Amino acid sequence: MGQRWIATDFGGLDVLQLVEGDAPDPGPGEVRIAVRAAGMNPADYKYLAPGSDRGAPPLLIGYEVSGVVERLGPGTELASGGGAPGDEVLAFRISGGYASEVTVPARDVFAKPAALGHPAAANLLLAATTAAEMLEVTGVREGDVVLLHGASGAVGVSVLQQAAHLGARVIGTASERSADVVRGFGGVPVAYGEGLVERVRELAPDGVQAALDAVGTDEAVDASLALVPDRSRIVTIAAFGRAQQDGFAVIGGAMPASRAFRDAARARLIALAASGDLVVPVARTFPLADAVEALTLLQSGHPGGKLALLP
């Protein structure tokens, strides 16, 4: 018998419940996957927040998985083409990934790069597509100097790698203990806190062309506005109120334009991962049954890398 996590209501982690039940047989255009790893993201617990308007409970948790094809629906191919039982795959922009098996649209299922283990593959695309969109909407290109807030987080680490692939130089805010992470992925770390603008100006005497905010603090927004003259080249994934107030870009997975971009970017980002140009640091894995413990660590803000649930 399969297992999956559901939320019986909106609220905190106490609304989560592990229940039994097999995934349905796939129909045309669907794939059933035996999950080997479920990716974990802050969006998972934010989805439970009181006041969310995403349909009535029970809610299914988890947007990305890696696993093995159990069965394809009639006349169905994977998004990457072909597909057969036993193939290793990853899936993103799905619902209900915290499970031992899932039945999902084939358009969201891709062949897994052999270079990625299941925990890394299950954590590739939400962060990577977010990072890619941040670079796209701010027009980052070769030779640009970019200020990145939250450079040691999952989205930040993906930005660092993708920006390097574009030929841009990234100055990334990080704590002292995370500075080596930023350096390790090709960025120039800078400490946040009082004097941030002056420290960035010292590191970029010829100016900063774009600012990417993955933390949402007033400090991050204020520094971005002070350093980047063109507000169309500032983007946030967290400071929604400030974006509306101060006239710069905001993106999010629920926005139609963001959804379209991220769906279109998946194949390209999987190819980068397959070639070794995009890696996913995994800090820790947990049994599927320990999802609440894992989410508690994720909520702390200091997981030290990506987390995955292993059925």
C-alpha atoms as a PDB file:
ATOM      1  CA  MET A   1       0.000   0.000   0.000  1.00  0.00           C
ATOM      2  CA  GLY A   2       1.310   3.434  -0.931  1.00  0.00           C
ATOM      3  CA  GLN A   3       1.626   6.380   1.427  1.00  0.00           C
ATOM      4  CA  ARG A   4       1.288  10.118   1.011  1.00  0.00           C
ATOM      5  CA  TRP A   5       1.215  13.224   3.159  1.00  0.00           C
ATOM      6  CA  ILE A   6      -1.858  15.439   3.113  1.00  0.00           C
ATOM      7  CA  ALA A   7      -2.851  18.573   4.989  1.00  0.00           C
ATOM      8  CA  THR A   8      -6.258  18.258   6.599  1.00  0.00           C
ATOM      9  CA  ASP A   9      -6.609  22.045   6.917  1.00  0.00           C
ATOM     10  CA  PHE A  10      -4.678  25.275   6.522  1.00  0.00           C
ATOM     11  CA  GLY A  11      -2.310  26.063   9.377  1.00  0.00           C
ATOM     12  CA  GLY A  12       1.031  24.881  10.753  1.00  0.00           C
ATOM     13  CA  LEU A  13       2.771  21.562  10.441  1.00  0.00           C
ATOM     14  CA  ASP A  14       0.290  20.026  12.873  1.00  0.00           C
ATOM     15  CA  VAL A  15      -2.275  19.801  10.048  1.00  0.00           C
ATOM     16  CA  LEU A  16      -0.135  17.267   8.174  1.00  0.00           C
ATOM     17  CA  GLN A  17      -1.146  13.608   8.195  1.00  0.00           C
ATOM     18  CA  LEU A  18       0.452  10.521   6.624  1.00  0.00           C
ATOM     19  CA  VAL A  19      -2.235   8.383   4.994  1.00  0.00           C
ATOM     20  CA  GLU A  20      -2.295   5.155   3.006  1.00  0.00           C
ATOM     21  CA  GLY A  21      -3.502   4.855  -0.544  1.00  0.00           C
ATOM     22  CA  ASP A  22      -2.198   3.793  -3.929  1.00  0.00           C
ATOM     23  CA  ALA A  23      -1.782   6.249  -6.772  1.00  0.00           C
ATOM     24  CA  PRO A  24      -4.408   5.729  -9.488  1.00  0.00           C
ATOM     25  CA  ASP A  25      -3.629   3.939 -12.714  1.00  0.00           C
ATOM     26  CA  PRO A  26      -2.462   6.425 -15.348  1.00  0.00           C
ATOM     27  CA  GLY A  27      -4.838   7.437 -18.095  1.00  0.00           C
ATOM     28  CA  PRO A  28      -3.877   8.864 -21.488  1.00  0.00           C
ATOM     29  CA  GLY A  29      -1.248  11.564 -21.025  1.00  0.00           C
ATOM     30  CA  GLU A  30      -0.332  10.400 -17.509  1.00  0.00           C
ATOM     31  CA  VAL A  31       2.564   8.562 -15.847  1.00  0.00           C
ATOM     32  CA  ARG A  32       2.703   6.682 -12.558  1.00  0.00           C
ATOM     33  CA  ILE A  33       6.053   7.079 -10.807  1.00  0.00           C
ATOM     34  CA  ALA A  34       7.505   5.097  -7.925  1.00  0.00           C
ATOM     35  CA  VAL A  35       9.032   7.951  -5.944  1.00  0.00           C
ATOM     36  CA  ARG A  36      12.650   7.521  -4.880  1.00  0.00           C
ATOM     37  CA  ALA A  37      13.022  11.065  -3.513  1.00  0.00           C
ATOM     38  CA  ALA A  38      10.677  13.993  -2.943  1.00  0.00           C
ATOM     39  CA  GLY A  39      12.183  17.455  -3.159  1.00  0.00           C
ATOM     40  CA  MET A  40      11.531  19.943  -0.368  1.00  0.00           C
ATOM     41  CA  ASN A  41      11.061  23.698  -0.726  1.00  0.00           C
ATOM     42  CA  PRO A  42       9.820  26.570   1.465  1.00  0.00           C
ATOM     43  CA  ALA A  43       6.843  26.752  -0.913  1.00  0.00           C
ATOM     44  CA  ASP A  44       5.696  23.423   0.552  1.00  0.00           C
ATOM     45  CA  TYR A  45       4.926  24.781   4.014  1.00  0.00           C
ATOM     46  CA  LYS A  46       3.918  28.217   2.736  1.00  0.00           C
ATOM     47  CA  TYR A  47       1.173  26.439   0.783  1.00  0.00           C
ATOM     48  CA  LEU A  48      -0.425  25.555   4.133  1.00  0.00           C
ATOM     49  CA  ALA A  49      -0.595  29.152   5.358  1.00  0.00           C
ATOM     50  CA  PRO A  50      -3.958  30.283   6.729  1.00  0.00           C
ATOM     51  CA  GLY A  51      -5.733  32.453   4.209  1.00  0.00           C
ATOM     52  CA  SER A  52      -4.403  30.587   1.201  1.00  0.00           C
ATOM     53  CA  ASP A  53      -7.039  30.236  -1.496  1.00  0.00           C
ATOM     54  CA  ARG A  54      -6.044  27.138  -3.436  1.00  0.00           C
ATOM     55  CA  GLY A  55      -9.090  24.941  -3.018  1.00  0.00           C
ATOM     56  CA  ALA A  56     -10.511  23.041  -0.112  1.00  0.00           C
ATOM     57  CA  PRO A  57      -8.508  20.594   2.031  1.00  0.00           C
ATOM     58  CA  PRO A  58      -7.235  17.941   2.019  1.00  0.00           C
ATOM     59  CA  LEU A  59      -4.206  19.506   0.359  1.00  0.00           C
ATOM     60  CA  LEU A  60      -1.485  17.526  -1.380  1.00  0.00           C
ATOM     61  CA  ILE A  61       2.069  18.601  -0.580  1.00  0.00           C
ATOM     62  CA  GLY A  62       5.215  18.645  -2.741  1.00  0.00           C
ATOM     63  CA  TYR A  63       5.985  20.022  -6.195  1.00  0.00           C
ATOM     64  CA  GLU A  64       8.875  17.877  -7.443  1.00  0.00           C
ATOM     65  CA  VAL A  65      10.056  14.275  -7.283  1.00  0.00           C
ATOM     66  CA  SER A  66      12.548  11.859  -8.749  1.00  0.00           C
ATOM     67  CA  GLY A  67      11.816   8.194  -9.254  1.00  0.00           C
ATOM     68  CA  VAL A  68      11.164   5.315 -11.624  1.00  0.00           C
ATOM     69  CA  VAL A  69       8.370   4.933 -14.180  1.00  0.00           C
ATOM     70  CA  GLU A  70       5.903   2.267 -13.073  1.00  0.00           C
ATOM     71  CA  ARG A  71       3.430   2.654 -15.890  1.00  0.00           C
ATOM     72  CA  LEU A  72       2.611   4.944 -18.794  1.00  0.00           C
ATOM     73  CA  GLY A  73      -0.947   5.714 -19.800  1.00  0.00           C
ATOM     74  CA  PRO A  74      -2.167   4.560 -23.233  1.00  0.00           C
ATOM     75  CA  GLY A  75      -0.384   6.306 -26.091  1.00  0.00           C
ATOM     76  CA  THR A  76       1.721   8.388 -23.684  1.00  0.00           C
ATOM     77  CA  GLU A  77       5.304   9.656 -23.930  1.00  0.00           C
ATOM     78  CA  LEU A  78       7.364  11.609 -21.422  1.00  0.00           C
ATOM     79  CA  ALA A  79       7.939  15.334 -21.950  1.00  0.00           C
ATOM     80  CA  SER A  80      11.490  14.429 -22.967  1.00  0.00           C
ATOM     81  CA  GLY A  81      10.227  11.776 -25.389  1.00  0.00           C
ATOM     82  CA  GLY A  82       9.766   8.025 -25.220  1.00  0.00           C
ATOM     83  CA  GLY A  83       9.617   6.373 -21.834  1.00  0.00           C
ATOM     84  CA  ALA A  84       9.090   2.876 -20.500  1.00  0.00           C
ATOM     85  CA  PRO A  85       8.579   1.158 -17.136  1.00  0.00           C
ATOM     86  CA  GLY A  86      11.847   1.164 -15.215  1.00  0.00           C
ATOM     87  CA  ASP A  87      13.103   4.468 -16.635  1.00  0.00           C
ATOM     88  CA  GLU A  88      14.505   6.925 -14.106  1.00  0.00           C
ATOM     89  CA  VAL A  89      12.705  10.260 -14.292  1.00  0.00           C
ATOM     90  CA  LEU A  90      12.151  13.548 -12.510  1.00  0.00           C
ATOM     91  CA  ALA A  91       8.931  15.520 -12.415  1.00  0.00           C
ATOM     92  CA  PHE A  92       8.253  19.170 -11.621  1.00  0.00           C
ATOM     93  CA  ARG A  93       5.186  21.352 -11.307  1.00  0.00           C
ATOM     94  CA  ILE A  94       3.243  18.436  -9.942  1.00  0.00           C
ATOM     95  CA  SER A  95       0.996  18.143  -6.893  1.00  0.00           C
ATOM     96  CA  GLY A  96       1.418  15.660  -4.067  1.00  0.00           C
ATOM     97  CA  GLY A  97       5.110  14.818  -4.304  1.00  0.00           C
ATOM     98  CA  TYR A  98       5.362  13.842  -0.625  1.00  0.00           C
ATOM     99  CA  ALA A  99       4.345  10.267  -1.467  1.00  0.00           C
ATOM    100  CA  SER A 100       5.655   6.823  -2.230  1.00  0.00           C
ATOM    101  CA  GLU A 101       4.060   6.922  -5.688  1.00  0.00           C
ATOM    102  CA  VAL A 102       2.357   9.563  -7.795  1.00  0.00           C
ATOM    103  CA  THR A 103       0.321   9.665 -10.995  1.00  0.00           C
ATOM    104  CA  VAL A 104       1.058  12.916 -12.818  1.00  0.00           C
ATOM    105  CA  PRO A 105       0.750  14.530 -16.270  1.00  0.00           C
ATOM    106  CA  ALA A 106       3.407  13.207 -18.651  1.00  0.00           C
ATOM    107  CA  ARG A 107       4.085  16.788 -19.793  1.00  0.00           C
ATOM    108  CA  ASP A 108       5.770  17.345 -16.407  1.00  0.00           C
ATOM    109  CA  VAL A 109       7.985  14.230 -16.472  1.00  0.00           C
ATOM    110  CA  PHE A 110      11.511  14.163 -17.915  1.00  0.00           C
ATOM    111  CA  ALA A 111      14.303  11.617 -18.167  1.00  0.00           C
ATOM    112  CA  LYS A 112      16.611  11.978 -15.148  1.00  0.00           C
ATOM    113  CA  PRO A 113      20.247  12.823 -15.916  1.00  0.00           C
ATOM    114  CA  ALA A 114      22.485   9.947 -14.872  1.00  0.00           C
ATOM    115  CA  ALA A 115      24.817  12.482 -13.244  1.00  0.00           C
ATOM    116  CA  LEU A 116      22.196  13.323 -10.619  1.00  0.00           C
ATOM    117  CA  GLY A 117      21.225  11.061  -7.764  1.00  0.00           C
ATOM    118  CA  HIS A 118      17.548  10.948  -6.879  1.00  0.00           C
ATOM    119  CA  PRO A 119      17.719  13.443  -3.942  1.00  0.00           C
ATOM    120  CA  ALA A 120      19.483  16.017  -6.127  1.00  0.00           C
ATOM    121  CA  ALA A 121      17.230  15.395  -9.127  1.00  0.00           C
ATOM    122  CA  ALA A 122      14.150  15.820  -6.930  1.00  0.00           C
ATOM    123  CA  ASN A 123      15.437  19.242  -5.881  1.00  0.00           C
ATOM    124  CA  LEU A 124      16.635  20.574  -9.227  1.00  0.00           C
ATOM    125  CA  LEU A 125      13.818  22.370 -10.945  1.00  0.00           C
ATOM    126  CA  LEU A 126      11.859  24.541  -8.539  1.00  0.00           C
ATOM    127  CA  ALA A 127      14.984  26.423  -7.477  1.00  0.00           C
ATOM    128  CA  ALA A 128      16.558  26.344 -10.938  1.00  0.00           C
ATOM    129  CA  THR A 129      13.527  27.639 -12.823  1.00  0.00           C
ATOM    130  CA  THR A 130      13.084  30.415 -10.251  1.00  0.00           C
ATOM    131  CA  ALA A 131      16.730  31.403 -10.641  1.00  0.00           C
ATOM    132  CA  ALA A 132      16.494  31.278 -14.425  1.00  0.00           C
ATOM    133  CA  GLU A 133      13.469  33.557 -14.426  1.00  0.00           C
ATOM    134  CA  MET A 134      15.193  36.067 -12.150  1.00  0.00           C
ATOM    135  CA  LEU A 135      18.094  36.275 -14.592  1.00  0.00           C
ATOM    136  CA  GLU A 136      15.741  36.481 -17.571  1.00  0.00           C
ATOM    137  CA  VAL A 137      13.482  39.291 -16.338  1.00  0.00           C
ATOM    138  CA  THR A 138      16.461  41.448 -15.349  1.00  0.00           C
ATOM    139  CA  GLY A 139      18.206  40.836 -18.675  1.00  0.00           C
ATOM    140  CA  VAL A 140      21.465  39.574 -17.182  1.00  0.00           C
ATOM    141  CA  ARG A 141      24.103  39.031 -19.851  1.00  0.00           C
ATOM    142  CA  GLU A 142      27.817  38.575 -20.298  1.00  0.00           C
ATOM    143  CA  GLY A 143      29.884  41.215 -18.507  1.00  0.00           C
ATOM    144  CA  ASP A 144      27.140  42.340 -16.113  1.00  0.00           C
ATOM    145  CA  VAL A 145      27.783  42.770 -12.408  1.00  0.00           C
ATOM    146  CA  VAL A 146      24.842  41.386 -10.443  1.00  0.00           C
ATOM    147  CA  LEU A 147      23.943  41.862  -6.771  1.00  0.00           C
ATOM    148  CA  LEU A 148      22.288  38.740  -5.395  1.00  0.00           C
ATOM    149  CA  HIS A 149      20.597  38.768  -1.991  1.00  0.00           C
ATOM    150  CA  GLY A 150      20.479  35.361  -0.329  1.00  0.00           C
ATOM    151  CA  ALA A 151      23.313  33.890  -2.369  1.00  0.00           C
ATOM    152  CA  SER A 152      23.876  30.780  -0.224  1.00  0.00           C
ATOM    153  CA  GLY A 153      20.261  29.554  -0.363  1.00  0.00           C
ATOM    154  CA  ALA A 154      18.912  27.065  -2.886  1.00  0.00           C
ATOM    155  CA  VAL A 155      17.745  29.698  -5.379  1.00  0.00           C
ATOM    156  CA  GLY A 156      20.905  31.722  -4.807  1.00  0.00           C
ATOM    157  CA  VAL A 157      23.224  28.786  -5.490  1.00  0.00           C
ATOM    158  CA  SER A 158      21.382  28.105  -8.733  1.00  0.00           C
ATOM    159  CA  VAL A 159      21.621  31.788  -9.713  1.00  0.00           C
ATOM    160  CA  LEU A 160      25.375  31.717  -9.097  1.00  0.00           C
ATOM    161  CA  GLN A 161      25.848  28.768 -11.442  1.00  0.00           C
ATOM    162  CA  GLN A 162      23.526  30.016 -14.165  1.00  0.00           C
ATOM    163  CA  ALA A 163      24.979  33.533 -14.052  1.00  0.00           C
ATOM    164  CA  ALA A 164      28.485  32.105 -14.435  1.00  0.00           C
ATOM    165  CA  HIS A 165      27.238  30.189 -17.479  1.00  0.00           C
ATOM    166  CA  LEU A 166      26.064  33.527 -18.922  1.00  0.00           C
ATOM    167  CA  GLY A 167      29.397  35.211 -18.186  1.00  0.00           C
ATOM    168  CA  ALA A 168      28.099  37.567 -15.479  1.00  0.00           C
ATOM    169  CA  ARG A 169      29.885  38.425 -12.215  1.00  0.00           C
ATOM    170  CA  VAL A 170      27.808  37.995  -9.051  1.00  0.00           C
ATOM    171  CA  ILE A 171      28.276  39.704  -5.702  1.00  0.00           C
ATOM    172  CA  GLY A 172      26.240  37.719  -3.214  1.00  0.00           C
ATOM    173  CA  THR A 173      25.104  38.590   0.295  1.00  0.00           C
ATOM    174  CA  ALA A 174      25.732  35.861   2.841  1.00  0.00           C
ATOM    175  CA  SER A 175      26.610  35.314   6.471  1.00  0.00           C
ATOM    176  CA  GLU A 176      30.241  34.763   7.368  1.00  0.00           C
ATOM    177  CA  ARG A 177      29.647  31.042   7.807  1.00  0.00           C
ATOM    178  CA  SER A 178      28.145  30.790   4.304  1.00  0.00           C
ATOM    179  CA  ALA A 179      30.743  32.886   2.487  1.00  0.00           C
ATOM    180  CA  ASP A 180      32.637  29.808   1.307  1.00  0.00           C
ATOM    181  CA  VAL A 181      29.456  28.471  -0.324  1.00  0.00           C
ATOM    182  CA  VAL A 182      29.215  31.648  -2.407  1.00  0.00           C
ATOM    183  CA  ARG A 183      32.895  31.467  -3.352  1.00  0.00           C
ATOM    184  CA  GLY A 184      32.590  27.795  -4.188  1.00  0.00           C
ATOM    185  CA  PHE A 185      29.974  28.539  -6.840  1.00  0.00           C
ATOM    186  CA  GLY A 186      31.890  31.408  -8.393  1.00  0.00           C
ATOM    187  CA  GLY A 187      30.389  34.381  -6.546  1.00  0.00           C
ATOM    188  CA  VAL A 188      31.985  37.156  -4.523  1.00  0.00           C
ATOM    189  CA  PRO A 189      30.561  37.085  -0.980  1.00  0.00           C
ATOM    190  CA  VAL A 190      29.620  40.253   0.842  1.00  0.00           C
ATOM    191  CA  ALA A 191      28.324  40.473   4.393  1.00  0.00           C
ATOM    192  CA  TYR A 192      24.836  41.839   4.831  1.00  0.00           C
ATOM    193  CA  GLY A 193      24.101  44.350   7.584  1.00  0.00           C
ATOM    194  CA  GLU A 194      24.965  48.007   8.145  1.00  0.00           C
ATOM    195  CA  GLY A 195      27.227  49.384   5.431  1.00  0.00           C
ATOM    196  CA  LEU A 196      26.121  46.896   2.753  1.00  0.00           C
ATOM    197  CA  VAL A 197      25.804  49.493  -0.002  1.00  0.00           C
ATOM    198  CA  GLU A 198      29.295  50.844   0.648  1.00  0.00           C
ATOM    199  CA  ARG A 199      30.807  47.353   0.667  1.00  0.00           C
ATOM    200  CA  VAL A 200      29.182  46.510  -2.643  1.00  0.00           C
ATOM    201  CA  ARG A 201      30.408  49.756  -4.198  1.00  0.00           C
ATOM    202  CA  GLU A 202      33.939  48.874  -3.154  1.00  0.00           C
ATOM    203  CA  LEU A 203      33.597  45.490  -4.858  1.00  0.00           C
ATOM    204  CA  ALA A 204      31.961  46.987  -7.975  1.00  0.00           C
ATOM    205  CA  PRO A 205      33.525  50.431  -8.559  1.00  0.00           C
ATOM    206  CA  ASP A 206      32.079  50.574 -12.082  1.00  0.00           C
ATOM    207  CA  GLY A 207      28.552  49.920 -10.865  1.00  0.00           C
ATOM    208  CA  VAL A 208      25.971  47.155 -10.547  1.00  0.00           C
ATOM    209  CA  GLN A 209      23.692  46.439 -13.494  1.00  0.00           C
ATOM    210  CA  ALA A 210      21.068  44.185 -11.881  1.00  0.00           C
ATOM    211  CA  ALA A 211      19.840  43.107  -8.444  1.00  0.00           C
ATOM    212  CA  LEU A 212      18.135  39.810  -7.597  1.00  0.00           C
ATOM    213  CA  ASP A 213      16.398  39.509  -4.227  1.00  0.00           C
ATOM    214  CA  ALA A 214      15.766  36.032  -2.832  1.00  0.00           C
ATOM    215  CA  VAL A 215      15.256  37.101   0.810  1.00  0.00           C
ATOM    216  CA  GLY A 216      12.691  39.906   0.816  1.00  0.00           C
ATOM    217  CA  THR A 217      14.124  42.114   3.565  1.00  0.00           C
ATOM    218  CA  ASP A 218      13.919  45.901   3.508  1.00  0.00           C
ATOM    219  CA  GLU A 219      17.717  45.972   3.620  1.00  0.00           C
ATOM    220  CA  ALA A 220      17.906  43.919   0.427  1.00  0.00           C
ATOM    221  CA  VAL A 221      15.386  46.123  -1.356  1.00  0.00           C
ATOM    222  CA  ASP A 222      16.922  49.385  -0.163  1.00  0.00           C
ATOM    223  CA  ALA A 223      20.402  48.302  -1.234  1.00  0.00           C
ATOM    224  CA  SER A 224      19.103  47.214  -4.634  1.00  0.00           C
ATOM    225  CA  LEU A 225      17.369  50.545  -5.205  1.00  0.00           C
ATOM    226  CA  ALA A 226      20.482  52.459  -4.137  1.00  0.00           C
ATOM    227  CA  LEU A 227      22.824  50.510  -6.393  1.00  0.00           C
ATOM    228  CA  VAL A 228      20.811  49.787  -9.569  1.00  0.00           C
ATOM    229  CA  PRO A 229      19.571  52.871 -11.452  1.00  0.00           C
ATOM    230  CA  ASP A 230      17.221  50.962 -13.772  1.00  0.00           C
ATOM    231  CA  ARG A 231      14.352  49.523 -11.704  1.00  0.00           C
ATOM    232  CA  SER A 232      13.377  47.182 -14.521  1.00  0.00           C
ATOM    233  CA  ARG A 233      16.592  45.331 -13.683  1.00  0.00           C
ATOM    234  CA  ILE A 234      15.603  44.660 -10.065  1.00  0.00           C
ATOM    235  CA  VAL A 235      13.519  41.596  -9.198  1.00  0.00           C
ATOM    236  CA  THR A 236      12.273  39.946  -6.023  1.00  0.00           C
ATOM    237  CA  ILE A 237      10.674  36.627  -5.198  1.00  0.00           C
ATOM    238  CA  ALA A 238       9.707  37.687  -1.678  1.00  0.00           C
ATOM    239  CA  ALA A 239       9.212  41.454  -1.181  1.00  0.00           C
ATOM    240  CA  PHE A 240       5.827  41.721  -2.911  1.00  0.00           C
ATOM    241  CA  GLY A 241       4.710  44.856  -1.091  1.00  0.00           C
ATOM    242  CA  ARG A 242       7.928  46.720  -1.749  1.00  0.00           C
ATOM    243  CA  ALA A 243       7.858  45.752  -5.426  1.00  0.00           C
ATOM    244  CA  GLN A 244       4.419  47.294  -5.825  1.00  0.00           C
ATOM    245  CA  GLN A 245       5.393  50.356  -3.802  1.00  0.00           C
ATOM    246  CA  ASP A 246       8.749  51.009  -5.453  1.00  0.00           C
ATOM    247  CA  GLY A 247       8.068  49.876  -8.999  1.00  0.00           C
ATOM    248  CA  PHE A 248      10.324  46.921  -9.644  1.00  0.00           C
ATOM    249  CA  ALA A 249       9.669  43.374 -10.831  1.00  0.00           C
ATOM    250  CA  VAL A 250       8.229  40.538  -8.767  1.00  0.00           C
ATOM    251  CA  ILE A 251       7.877  36.934  -9.905  1.00  0.00           C
ATOM    252  CA  GLY A 252       6.214  33.861  -8.417  1.00  0.00           C
ATOM    253  CA  GLY A 253       5.266  30.363  -9.421  1.00  0.00           C
ATOM    254  CA  ALA A 254       1.532  31.101  -9.232  1.00  0.00           C
ATOM    255  CA  MET A 255       1.781  33.977 -11.726  1.00  0.00           C
ATOM    256  CA  PRO A 256       0.799  33.005 -15.291  1.00  0.00           C
ATOM    257  CA  ALA A 257       3.908  34.524 -16.881  1.00  0.00           C
ATOM    258  CA  SER A 258       6.152  32.806 -14.352  1.00  0.00           C
ATOM    259  CA  ARG A 259       4.414  29.467 -14.867  1.00  0.00           C
ATOM    260  CA  ALA A 260       4.869  29.685 -18.628  1.00  0.00           C
ATOM    261  CA  PHE A 261       8.533  30.651 -18.401  1.00  0.00           C
ATOM    262  CA  ARG A 262       9.385  27.989 -15.840  1.00  0.00           C
ATOM    263  CA  ASP A 263       7.640  25.246 -17.781  1.00  0.00           C
ATOM    264  CA  ALA A 264       9.531  26.231 -20.937  1.00  0.00           C
ATOM    265  CA  ALA A 265      12.876  26.385 -19.102  1.00  0.00           C
ATOM    266  CA  ARG A 266      12.787  22.875 -17.643  1.00  0.00           C
ATOM    267  CA  ALA A 267      14.398  20.955 -20.510  1.00  0.00           C
ATOM    268  CA  ARG A 268      17.253  23.466 -20.838  1.00  0.00           C
ATOM    269  CA  LEU A 269      18.019  23.342 -17.120  1.00  0.00           C
ATOM    270  CA  ILE A 270      17.941  19.531 -17.063  1.00  0.00           C
ATOM    271  CA  ALA A 271      20.477  19.598 -19.903  1.00  0.00           C
ATOM    272  CA  LEU A 272      22.726  21.912 -17.867  1.00  0.00           C
ATOM    273  CA  ALA A 273      22.529  19.489 -14.964  1.00  0.00           C
ATOM    274  CA  ALA A 274      23.287  16.550 -17.243  1.00  0.00           C
ATOM    275  CA  SER A 275      26.456  18.270 -18.467  1.00  0.00           C
ATOM    276  CA  GLY A 276      27.611  19.035 -14.920  1.00  0.00           C
ATOM    277  CA  ASP A 277      27.104  22.792 -15.252  1.00  0.00           C
ATOM    278  CA  LEU A 278      24.297  22.888 -12.688  1.00  0.00           C
ATOM    279  CA  VAL A 279      24.628  20.956  -9.443  1.00  0.00           C
ATOM    280  CA  VAL A 280      22.291  20.644  -6.477  1.00  0.00           C
ATOM    281  CA  PRO A 281      23.903  20.552  -3.013  1.00  0.00           C
ATOM    282  CA  VAL A 282      21.928  18.135  -0.828  1.00  0.00           C
ATOM    283  CA  ALA A 283      22.440  18.575   2.906  1.00  0.00           C
ATOM    284  CA  ARG A 284      20.330  15.766   4.319  1.00  0.00           C
ATOM    285  CA  THR A 285      17.696  13.169   3.545  1.00  0.00           C
ATOM    286  CA  PHE A 286      14.837  11.911   5.716  1.00  0.00           C
ATOM    287  CA  PRO A 287      12.499   8.926   5.558  1.00  0.00           C
ATOM    288  CA  LEU A 288       9.117   9.870   4.111  1.00  0.00           C
ATOM    289  CA  ALA A 289       7.551   9.246   7.522  1.00  0.00           C
ATOM    290  CA  ASP A 290       9.732  12.022   9.024  1.00  0.00           C
ATOM    291  CA  ALA A 291       8.385  14.802   6.807  1.00  0.00           C
ATOM    292  CA  VAL A 292       7.350  16.969   9.760  1.00  0.00           C
ATOM    293  CA  GLU A 293      10.846  16.798  11.252  1.00  0.00           C
ATOM    294  CA  ALA A 294      12.332  17.662   7.871  1.00  0.00           C
ATOM    295  CA  LEU A 295       9.958  20.586   7.370  1.00  0.00           C
ATOM    296  CA  THR A 296      10.815  21.880  10.827  1.00  0.00           C
ATOM    297  CA  LEU A 297      14.476  21.979   9.817  1.00  0.00           C
ATOM    298  CA  LEU A 298      13.556  23.636   6.522  1.00  0.00           C
ATOM    299  CA  GLN A 299      11.526  26.297   8.347  1.00  0.00           C
ATOM    300  CA  SER A 300      14.537  27.121  10.527  1.00  0.00           C
ATOM    301  CA  GLY A 301      16.114  28.773   7.497  1.00  0.00           C
ATOM    302  CA  HIS A 302      19.433  26.994   8.016  1.00  0.00           C
ATOM    303  CA  PRO A 303      19.218  23.536   6.448  1.00  0.00           C
ATOM    304  CA  GLY A 304      22.704  23.881   4.943  1.00  0.00           C
ATOM    305  CA  GLY A 305      21.532  22.739   1.503  1.00  0.00           C
ATOM    306  CA  LYS A 306      18.586  20.943  -0.007  1.00  0.00           C
ATOM    307  CA  LEU A 307      16.537  18.343   1.854  1.00  0.00           C
ATOM    308  CA  ALA A 308      14.785  15.303   0.408  1.00  0.00           C
ATOM    309  CA  LEU A 309      12.261  12.739   1.623  1.00  0.00           C
ATOM    310  CA  LEU A 310      12.994   9.108   0.759  1.00  0.00           C
ATOM    311  CA  PRO A 311      10.001   6.730   0.638  1.00  0.00           C
END
